[in-house]
C-alpha atoms as a PDB file:
ATOM      1  CA  MET A   1     137.073  88.012  89.291  1.00  0.00           C
ATOM      2  CA  HIS A   2     135.437  84.735  90.057  1.00  0.00           C
ATOM      3  CA  PRO A   3     131.556  84.891  89.354  1.00  0.00           C
ATOM      4  CA  ILE A   4     130.759  84.279  93.102  1.00  0.00           C
ATOM      5  CA  GLU A   5     133.212  86.821  94.140  1.00  0.00           C
ATOM      6  CA  HIS A   6     131.652  89.290  91.681  1.00  0.00           C
ATOM      7  CA  LEU A   7     128.191  88.516  93.121  1.00  0.00           C
ATOM      8  CA  ARG A   8     129.342  88.983  96.662  1.00  0.00           C
ATOM      9  CA  TYR A   9     130.967  92.262  95.719  1.00  0.00           C
ATOM     10  CA  VAL A  10     127.668  93.464  94.118  1.00  0.00           C
ATOM     11  CA  ALA A  11     125.606  92.221  97.142  1.00  0.00           C
ATOM     12  CA  ARG A  12     127.838  94.214  99.596  1.00  0.00           C
ATOM     13  CA  ALA A  13     127.548  97.377  97.532  1.00  0.00           C
ATOM     14  CA  SER A  14     125.305 100.133  99.132  1.00  0.00           C
ATOM     15  CA  GLY A  15     124.245 103.542  97.882  1.00  0.00           C
ATOM     16  CA  ALA A  16     124.579 102.805  94.188  1.00  0.00           C
ATOM     17  CA  ASP A  17     122.120 103.658  91.468  1.00  0.00           C
ATOM     18  CA  PRO A  18     119.595 100.681  91.536  1.00  0.00           C
ATOM     19  CA  SER A  19     119.899 100.307  87.693  1.00  0.00           C
ATOM     20  CA  LEU A  20     123.615 100.239  87.819  1.00  0.00           C
ATOM     21  CA  LEU A  21     123.629  97.838  90.636  1.00  0.00           C
ATOM     22  CA  ALA A  22     121.291  95.487  88.736  1.00  0.00           C
ATOM     23  CA  ARG A  23     123.495  95.694  85.631  1.00  0.00           C
ATOM     24  CA  GLU A  24     126.527  94.626  87.720  1.00  0.00           C
ATOM     25  CA  ALA A  25     124.482  91.827  89.166  1.00  0.00           C
ATOM     26  CA  ALA A  26     123.140  90.637  85.803  1.00  0.00           C
ATOM     27  CA  ALA A  27     126.814  90.238  84.669  1.00  0.00           C
ATOM     28  CA  ALA A  28     127.603  88.123  87.610  1.00  0.00           C
ATOM     29  CA  LEU A  29     124.496  86.012  87.314  1.00  0.00           C
ATOM     30  CA  ALA A  30     125.244  85.387  83.573  1.00  0.00           C
ATOM     31  CA  GLU A  31     128.732  84.039  84.424  1.00  0.00           C
ATOM     32  CA  ILE A  32     127.069  81.851  87.246  1.00  0.00           C
ATOM     33  CA  ALA A  33     124.437  80.581  84.880  1.00  0.00           C
ATOM     34  CA  GLU A  34     127.180  79.570  82.492  1.00  0.00           C
ATOM     35  CA  ALA A  35     129.278  77.779  85.234  1.00  0.00           C
ATOM     36  CA  ASP A  36     126.710  76.414  87.619  1.00  0.00           C
ATOM     37  CA  SER A  37     123.041  77.070  87.025  1.00  0.00           C
ATOM     38  CA  ALA A  38     122.073  75.229  90.265  1.00  0.00           C
ATOM     39  CA  GLY A  39     123.495  78.199  92.110  1.00  0.00           C
ATOM     40  CA  LEU A  40     121.142  80.684  90.508  1.00  0.00           C
ATOM     41  CA  VAL A  41     118.336  80.459  92.922  1.00  0.00           C
ATOM     42  CA  PRO A  42     120.158  81.006  96.175  1.00  0.00           C
ATOM     43  CA  ALA A  43     122.273  83.802  94.422  1.00  0.00           C
ATOM     44  CA  CYS A  44     119.209  85.638  93.417  1.00  0.00           C
ATOM     45  CA  ARG A  45     117.534  85.149  96.792  1.00  0.00           C
ATOM     46  CA  ARG A  46     120.627  86.619  98.481  1.00  0.00           C
ATOM     47  CA  LEU A  47     120.756  89.573  96.033  1.00  0.00           C
ATOM     48  CA  VAL A  48     117.072  90.534  96.862  1.00  0.00           C
ATOM     49  CA  GLU A  49     117.601  90.045 100.506  1.00  0.00           C
ATOM     50  CA  ARG A  50     120.558  92.379 100.435  1.00  0.00           C
ATOM     51  CA  HIS A  51     118.958  94.893  98.107  1.00  0.00           C
ATOM     52  CA  LEU A  52     115.392  94.512  99.255  1.00  0.00           C
ATOM     53  CA  THR A  53     113.875  97.747  98.048  1.00  0.00           C
ATOM     54  CA  SER A  54     115.827  97.739  94.711  1.00  0.00           C
ATOM     55  CA  GLY A  55     113.210  97.217  91.994  1.00  0.00           C
ATOM     56  CA  PRO A  56     115.810  96.470  89.226  1.00  0.00           C
ATOM     57  CA  VAL A  57     117.416  93.719  91.258  1.00  0.00           C
ATOM     58  CA  TRP A  58     113.971  91.922  91.775  1.00  0.00           C
ATOM     59  CA  TRP A  59     113.095  92.569  88.194  1.00  0.00           C
ATOM     60  CA  MET A  60     116.249  91.223  86.716  1.00  0.00           C
ATOM     61  CA  SER A  61     116.410  88.146  89.107  1.00  0.00           C
ATOM     62  CA  ALA A  62     112.760  87.331  88.234  1.00  0.00           C
ATOM     63  CA  ARG A  63     113.572  87.423  84.572  1.00  0.00           C
ATOM     64  CA  VAL A  64     116.672  85.356  85.003  1.00  0.00           C
ATOM     65  CA  LEU A  65     115.011  82.655  87.292  1.00  0.00           C
ATOM     66  CA  SER A  66     112.018  82.299  84.771  1.00  0.00           C
ATOM     67  CA  ALA A  67     114.181  82.107  81.489  1.00  0.00           C
ATOM     68  CA  ALA A  68     114.951  78.952  79.439  1.00  0.00           C
ATOM     69  CA  ASP A  69     118.482  80.668  78.919  1.00  0.00           C
ATOM     70  CA  PRO A  70     119.225  82.429  82.152  1.00  0.00           C
ATOM     71  CA  ALA A  71     122.597  83.893  80.906  1.00  0.00           C
ATOM     72  CA  GLU A  72     120.951  85.400  77.884  1.00  0.00           C
ATOM     73  CA  ALA A  73     118.056  86.713  80.140  1.00  0.00           C
ATOM     74  CA  ALA A  74     120.565  88.376  82.505  1.00  0.00           C
ATOM     75  CA  LEU A  75     122.382  90.113  79.595  1.00  0.00           C
ATOM     76  CA  ASN A  76     119.082  91.186  77.932  1.00  0.00           C
ATOM     77  CA  ALA A  77     117.882  92.766  81.185  1.00  0.00           C
ATOM     78  CA  ALA A  78     121.250  94.711  81.563  1.00  0.00           C
ATOM     79  CA  ALA A  79     120.794  95.850  78.106  1.00  0.00           C
ATOM     80  CA  GLU A  80     117.144  97.107  78.687  1.00  0.00           C
ATOM     81  CA  LEU A  81     118.402  98.972  81.959  1.00  0.00           C
ATOM     82  CA  GLU A  82     121.143 100.502  80.071  1.00  0.00           C
ATOM     83  CA  ASP A  83     118.809 101.749  77.279  1.00  0.00           C
ATOM     84  CA  ASP A  84     116.239 103.305  79.643  1.00  0.00           C
ATOM     85  CA  GLN A  85     114.690 106.498  78.156  1.00  0.00           C
ATOM     86  CA  THR A  86     112.802 107.663  81.259  1.00  0.00           C
ATOM     87  CA  ASP A  87     115.089 110.754  81.793  1.00  0.00           C
ATOM     88  CA  ARG A  88     114.392 111.940  78.188  1.00  0.00           C
ATOM     89  CA  HIS A  89     110.688 111.505  78.512  1.00  0.00           C
ATOM     90  CA  LEU A  90     110.561 113.241  82.004  1.00  0.00           C
ATOM     91  CA  ALA A  91     112.669 116.127  80.673  1.00  0.00           C
ATOM     92  CA  ALA A  92     110.088 116.603  77.935  1.00  0.00           C
ATOM     93  CA  LEU A  93     107.078 116.717  80.406  1.00  0.00           C
ATOM     94  CA  LEU A  94     108.540 119.252  82.893  1.00  0.00           C
ATOM     95  CA  PRO A  95     106.803 122.712  82.385  1.00  0.00           C
ATOM     96  CA  ASP A  96     108.902 125.498  81.171  1.00  0.00           C
ATOM     97  CA  SER A  97     110.747 127.487  83.970  1.00  0.00           C
ATOM     98  CA  ALA A  98     108.928 125.310  86.623  1.00  0.00           C
ATOM     99  CA  THR A  99     109.884 125.045  90.275  1.00  0.00           C
ATOM    100  CA  VAL A 100     110.334 121.362  91.080  1.00  0.00           C
ATOM    101  CA  THR A 101     110.922 119.580  94.408  1.00  0.00           C
ATOM    102  CA  VAL A 102     112.875 116.412  94.358  1.00  0.00           C
ATOM    103  CA  ILE A 103     114.096 114.077  97.136  1.00  0.00           C
ATOM    104  CA  GLY A 104     117.639 113.141  97.656  1.00  0.00           C
ATOM    105  CA  TRP A 105     119.541 112.289  94.380  1.00  0.00           C
ATOM    106  CA  PRO A 106     117.166 110.529  92.090  1.00  0.00           C
ATOM    107  CA  GLU A 107     119.471 109.340  88.996  1.00  0.00           C
ATOM    108  CA  ALA A 108     116.929 109.520  86.327  1.00  0.00           C
ATOM    109  CA  THR A 109     115.287 112.639  87.424  1.00  0.00           C
ATOM    110  CA  ALA A 110     118.600 114.299  87.904  1.00  0.00           C
ATOM    111  CA  ASP A 111     119.537 113.443  84.396  1.00  0.00           C
ATOM    112  CA  ALA A 112     116.155 114.923  83.153  1.00  0.00           C
ATOM    113  CA  LEU A 113     116.842 118.124  85.028  1.00  0.00           C
ATOM    114  CA  ARG A 114     120.286 118.537  83.631  1.00  0.00           C
ATOM    115  CA  ARG A 115     118.720 118.136  80.289  1.00  0.00           C
ATOM    116  CA  ARG A 116     116.451 120.979  80.711  1.00  0.00           C
ATOM    117  CA  GLY A 117     118.486 123.659  82.466  1.00  0.00           C
ATOM    118  CA  ASP A 118     115.531 126.107  82.738  1.00  0.00           C
ATOM    119  CA  VAL A 119     113.934 124.365  85.919  1.00  0.00           C
ATOM    120  CA  GLU A 120     114.467 125.712  89.361  1.00  0.00           C
ATOM    121  CA  VAL A 121     115.103 122.583  91.583  1.00  0.00           C
ATOM    122  CA  LEU A 122     114.350 122.468  95.255  1.00  0.00           C
ATOM    123  CA  VAL A 123     116.543 119.525  96.459  1.00  0.00           C
ATOM    124  CA  VAL A 124     115.289 118.001  99.828  1.00  0.00           C
ATOM    125  CA  ASP A 125     118.574 116.742 101.453  1.00  0.00           C
ATOM    126  CA  SER A 126     116.848 113.638 103.012  1.00  0.00           C
ATOM    127  CA  THR A 127     119.638 111.071 102.114  1.00  0.00           C
ATOM    128  CA  GLY A 128     122.775 113.199 102.675  1.00  0.00           C
ATOM    129  CA  GLU A 129     123.025 113.371  98.879  1.00  0.00           C
ATOM    130  CA  GLY A 130     120.989 116.336  98.063  1.00  0.00           C
ATOM    131  CA  SER A 131     123.728 118.812  98.534  1.00  0.00           C
ATOM    132  CA  GLY A 132     125.826 117.067  95.953  1.00  0.00           C
ATOM    133  CA  LEU A 133     122.892 117.072  93.392  1.00  0.00           C
ATOM    134  CA  ALA A 134     122.339 120.742  93.965  1.00  0.00           C
ATOM    135  CA  ARG A 135     125.995 121.563  93.274  1.00  0.00           C
ATOM    136  CA  ARG A 136     125.927 119.407  90.127  1.00  0.00           C
ATOM    137  CA  LEU A 137     122.759 121.078  88.842  1.00  0.00           C
ATOM    138  CA  SER A 138     124.120 124.452  89.590  1.00  0.00           C
ATOM    139  CA  ASN A 139     127.376 123.702  87.757  1.00  0.00           C
ATOM    140  CA  ALA A 140     125.279 122.573  84.761  1.00  0.00           C
ATOM    141  CA  GLY A 141     123.509 125.972  84.764  1.00  0.00           C
ATOM    142  CA  SER A 142     120.401 125.024  86.558  1.00  0.00           C
ATOM    143  CA  GLU A 143     119.008 127.157  89.410  1.00  0.00           C
ATOM    144  CA  SER A 144     118.888 124.798  92.547  1.00  0.00           C
ATOM    145  CA  GLU A 145     118.483 125.181  96.238  1.00  0.00           C
ATOM    146  CA  ILE A 146     119.172 122.589  99.096  1.00  0.00           C
ATOM    147  CA  ILE A 147     116.123 122.247 101.364  1.00  0.00           C
ATOM    148  CA  PRO A 148     116.577 120.791 104.909  1.00  0.00           C
ATOM    149  CA  ASN A 149     114.378 117.877 105.875  1.00  0.00           C
ATOM    150  CA  THR A 150     112.171 120.236 107.913  1.00  0.00           C
ATOM    151  CA  GLY A 151     111.406 122.164 104.906  1.00  0.00           C
ATOM    152  CA  VAL A 152     109.990 119.456 102.733  1.00  0.00           C
ATOM    153  CA  GLY A 153     106.392 120.478 103.196  1.00  0.00           C
ATOM    154  CA  PRO A 154     106.866 124.127 102.407  1.00  0.00           C
ATOM    155  CA  ALA A 155     109.010 123.288  99.429  1.00  0.00           C
ATOM    156  CA  ALA A 156     106.281 120.995  97.941  1.00  0.00           C
ATOM    157  CA  ALA A 157     103.694 123.490  98.747  1.00  0.00           C
ATOM    158  CA  VAL A 158     105.375 126.305  96.755  1.00  0.00           C
ATOM    159  CA  SER A 159     106.611 124.065  93.768  1.00  0.00           C
ATOM    160  CA  ASP A 160     104.757 123.764  90.460  1.00  0.00           C
ATOM    161  CA  LEU A 161     105.248 119.924  90.865  1.00  0.00           C
ATOM    162  CA  VAL A 162     106.777 117.191  93.079  1.00  0.00           C
ATOM    163  CA  VAL A 163     108.843 114.570  91.273  1.00  0.00           C
ATOM    164  CA  ILE A 164     109.336 111.275  93.128  1.00  0.00           C
ATOM    165  CA  GLU A 165     111.555 108.489  91.675  1.00  0.00           C
ATOM    166  CA  ALA A 166     110.557 104.896  92.495  1.00  0.00           C
ATOM    167  CA  PHE A 167     113.028 102.567  94.203  1.00  0.00           C
ATOM    168  CA  VAL A 168     110.419 100.014  93.371  1.00  0.00           C
ATOM    169  CA  ALA A 169     106.689 100.185  92.734  1.00  0.00           C
ATOM    170  CA  GLY A 170     103.559  97.856  92.481  1.00  0.00           C
ATOM    171  CA  PRO A 171      99.758  98.333  92.192  1.00  0.00           C
ATOM    172  CA  SER A 172      99.307  99.874  95.619  1.00  0.00           C
ATOM    173  CA  GLY A 173     102.165 102.540  95.504  1.00  0.00           C
ATOM    174  CA  VAL A 174     105.818 103.171  95.420  1.00  0.00           C
ATOM    175  CA  LEU A 175     108.823 102.807  97.816  1.00  0.00           C
ATOM    176  CA  ALA A 176     110.998 106.024  97.396  1.00  0.00           C
ATOM    177  CA  ALA A 177     113.536 108.011  99.419  1.00  0.00           C
ATOM    178  CA  PRO A 178     112.609 109.230 102.822  1.00  0.00           C
ATOM    179  CA  GLY A 179     110.809 112.596 102.570  1.00  0.00           C
ATOM    180  CA  SER A 180     108.823 111.362  99.477  1.00  0.00           C
ATOM    181  CA  LEU A 181     105.666 110.738 101.509  1.00  0.00           C
ATOM    182  CA  PRO A 182     105.330 114.102 103.102  1.00  0.00           C
ATOM    183  CA  ALA A 183     106.258 115.863  99.846  1.00  0.00           C
ATOM    184  CA  ALA A 184     103.538 114.027  97.980  1.00  0.00           C
ATOM    185  CA  ALA A 185     100.886 114.387 100.620  1.00  0.00           C
ATOM    186  CA  VAL A 186     101.496 118.175 100.787  1.00  0.00           C
ATOM    187  CA  ALA A 187     101.627 118.552  96.927  1.00  0.00           C
ATOM    188  CA  ALA A 188      98.431 116.560  96.628  1.00  0.00           C
ATOM    189  CA  HIS A 189      96.710 118.601  99.388  1.00  0.00           C
ATOM    190  CA  ALA A 190      97.857 121.894  97.724  1.00  0.00           C
ATOM    191  CA  GLY A 191      96.501 120.778  94.292  1.00  0.00           C
ATOM    192  CA  ARG A 192     100.116 120.368  92.974  1.00  0.00           C
ATOM    193  CA  PRO A 193     100.863 117.419  90.605  1.00  0.00           C
ATOM    194  CA  VAL A 194     102.834 114.491  91.963  1.00  0.00           C
ATOM    195  CA  LEU A 195     104.849 113.051  89.089  1.00  0.00           C
ATOM    196  CA  LEU A 196     106.364 109.587  89.653  1.00  0.00           C
ATOM    197  CA  ALA A 197     109.410 108.699  87.603  1.00  0.00           C
ATOM    198  CA  ALA A 198     109.502 104.788  87.183  1.00  0.00           C
ATOM    199  CA  PRO A 199     112.462 103.841  85.068  1.00  0.00           C
ATOM    200  CA  THR A 200     113.006 100.366  83.647  1.00  0.00           C
ATOM    201  CA  GLY A 201     112.605  97.510  86.213  1.00  0.00           C
ATOM    202  CA  ARG A 202     110.941  99.580  88.982  1.00  0.00           C
ATOM    203  CA  VAL A 203     107.533  98.131  88.729  1.00  0.00           C
ATOM    204  CA  LEU A 204     107.032  94.720  89.910  1.00  0.00           C
ATOM    205  CA  PRO A 205     103.988  92.194  89.622  1.00  0.00           C
ATOM    206  CA  ASP A 206     101.583  92.262  92.540  1.00  0.00           C
ATOM    207  CA  ALA A 207     102.797  88.918  94.046  1.00  0.00           C
ATOM    208  CA  LEU A 208     106.422  90.049  94.055  1.00  0.00           C
ATOM    209  CA  TRP A 209     105.388  93.545  95.307  1.00  0.00           C
ATOM    210  CA  GLY A 210     103.501  91.912  98.125  1.00  0.00           C
ATOM    211  CA  ALA A 211     106.358  89.703  99.104  1.00  0.00           C
ATOM    212  CA  LEU A 212     108.762  92.652  99.149  1.00  0.00           C
ATOM    213  CA  LEU A 213     106.458  94.850 101.327  1.00  0.00           C
ATOM    214  CA  THR A 214     105.945  91.965 103.798  1.00  0.00           C
ATOM    215  CA  ARG A 215     109.673  91.481 104.333  1.00  0.00           C
ATOM    216  CA  PHE A 216     110.145  95.200 104.337  1.00  0.00           C
ATOM    217  CA  ASP A 217     107.630  95.732 107.067  1.00  0.00           C
ATOM    218  CA  ASP A 218     109.261  92.838 109.036  1.00  0.00           C
ATOM    219  CA  THR A 219     112.815  93.991 108.815  1.00  0.00           C
ATOM    220  CA  ALA A 220     112.850  97.836 108.320  1.00  0.00           C
ATOM    221  CA  GLY A 221     112.457  98.884 111.862  1.00  0.00           C
ATOM    222  CA  GLU A 222     110.275 101.976 112.969  1.00  0.00           C
ATOM    223  CA  PRO A 223     108.842 103.941 110.154  1.00  0.00           C
ATOM    224  CA  TRP A 224     110.740 106.963 111.046  1.00  0.00           C
ATOM    225  CA  ASP A 225     114.153 105.195 110.770  1.00  0.00           C
ATOM    226  CA  ARG A 226     113.465 103.441 107.386  1.00  0.00           C
ATOM    227  CA  SER A 227     115.557 103.961 104.248  1.00  0.00           C
ATOM    228  CA  ALA A 228     112.481 104.139 102.182  1.00  0.00           C
ATOM    229  CA  GLU A 229     108.831 105.425 102.461  1.00  0.00           C
ATOM    230  CA  LEU A 230     105.767 103.979 100.988  1.00  0.00           C
ATOM    231  CA  VAL A 231     103.801 106.582  98.922  1.00  0.00           C
ATOM    232  CA  PRO A 232     100.197 105.439  98.267  1.00  0.00           C
ATOM    233  CA  ALA A 233      99.138 105.318  94.525  1.00  0.00           C
ATOM    234  CA  ALA A 234      96.216 107.733  95.411  1.00  0.00           C
ATOM    235  CA  LEU A 235      98.791 110.582  95.903  1.00  0.00           C
ATOM    236  CA  ILE A 236     100.446 110.117  92.485  1.00  0.00           C
ATOM    237  CA  SER A 237      98.862 112.099  89.732  1.00  0.00           C
ATOM    238  CA  ARG A 238     101.212 111.363  86.794  1.00  0.00           C
ATOM    239  CA  LEU A 239     103.574 108.437  85.882  1.00  0.00           C
ATOM    240  CA  VAL A 240     106.468 108.539  83.349  1.00  0.00           C
ATOM    241  CA  GLY A 241     108.463 105.452  82.529  1.00  0.00           C
ATOM    242  CA  PRO A 242     110.733 104.086  79.794  1.00  0.00           C
ATOM    243  CA  GLU A 243     107.940 104.498  77.138  1.00  0.00           C
ATOM    244  CA  GLY A 244     106.742 107.850  78.180  1.00  0.00           C
ATOM    245  CA  GLU A 245     103.820 109.122  80.183  1.00  0.00           C
ATOM    246  CA  ILE A 246     101.187 106.500  80.921  1.00  0.00           C
ATOM    247  CA  ASP A 247      98.129 106.161  83.174  1.00  0.00           C
ATOM    248  CA  VAL A 248      99.054 105.733  86.831  1.00  0.00           C
ATOM    249  CA  ALA A 249      96.869 102.895  87.784  1.00  0.00           C
ATOM    250  CA  GLY A 250      97.868 100.997  84.607  1.00  0.00           C
ATOM    251  CA  GLY A 251     101.501 101.861  84.952  1.00  0.00           C
ATOM    252  CA  LEU A 252     101.824 100.516  88.519  1.00  0.00           C
ATOM    253  CA  SER A 253      99.855  97.305  87.608  1.00  0.00           C
ATOM    254  CA  THR A 254     101.982  96.609  84.469  1.00  0.00           C
ATOM    255  CA  ALA A 255     105.288  94.903  85.025  1.00  0.00           C
ATOM    256  CA  THR A 256     107.779  93.628  82.469  1.00  0.00           C
ATOM    257  CA  CYS A 257     109.099  90.688  84.486  1.00  0.00           C
ATOM    258  CA  PRO A 258     107.248  87.417  85.428  1.00  0.00           C
ATOM    259  CA  VAL A 259     106.396  86.176  88.993  1.00  0.00           C
ATOM    260  CA  ALA A 260     109.261  84.013  89.873  1.00  0.00           C
ATOM    261  CA  PRO A 261     108.010  81.783  92.641  1.00  0.00           C
ATOM    262  CA  GLU A 262     111.631  81.187  93.923  1.00  0.00           C
ATOM    263  CA  LEU A 263     111.614  84.985  95.058  1.00  0.00           C
ATOM    264  CA  LEU A 264     108.355  84.678  97.047  1.00  0.00           C
ATOM    265  CA  ARG A 265     110.417  82.839  99.720  1.00  0.00           C
ATOM    266  CA  ALA A 266     113.279  84.643 101.605  1.00  0.00           C
ATOM    267  CA  ALA A 267     116.793  83.259 101.503  1.00  0.00           C
ATOM    268  CA  GLY A 268     117.526  80.415 104.056  1.00  0.00           C
END
């Protein structure tokens, strides 16, 4: 497949795991960098516009645009995404025989839950994928139950903890699946821990995070119709990432990509 066609295919994709999507995009950008480096800026801008709330796409694009060797940077970013260990760290942090509320089908969190097997999982089906995750967990030997959107508050209140997985995050909070905000708010009010899973590439520097939020607010429509919800950092009590558990404020303020000025402006 021609590099441009490969990138168009990635840009049109929807519903894919953010890390997998970014790895596919990295492969396409590496090919473009080798063939026509002048096309990298518009290519990256189109990618982030099409996948606005995908932290790994922003993270990988920023690293590519800031690198002396963009092709190498793209492949290195893909390798880091592939080697992410967040699921292993999360699995180790979950209390024995806990009841956990999750929202939708968070990929790293689902992998952690399958590793454990002893955790009861309340899956809030806010994205239409929850029933599939519940079935997969049940088939793997875990006790799981599908919770309708109307039950997100009660589920959070009776759980031992709520696990939210970041689409993308920054110093002020995290964008996550619809239902994450009420789950976190109820859990925090009830004194239950709210654990944020932030795999590789999900945390952006403040400048990129601010640019993303501005565009999201301008284009996402009414708050109740949006594909992601902003959960304030104040509601998050614990954070786990590729290096393990870290301080919430420090973790949300520490990104592993530079601020690429080219991404601060939307695609023309």
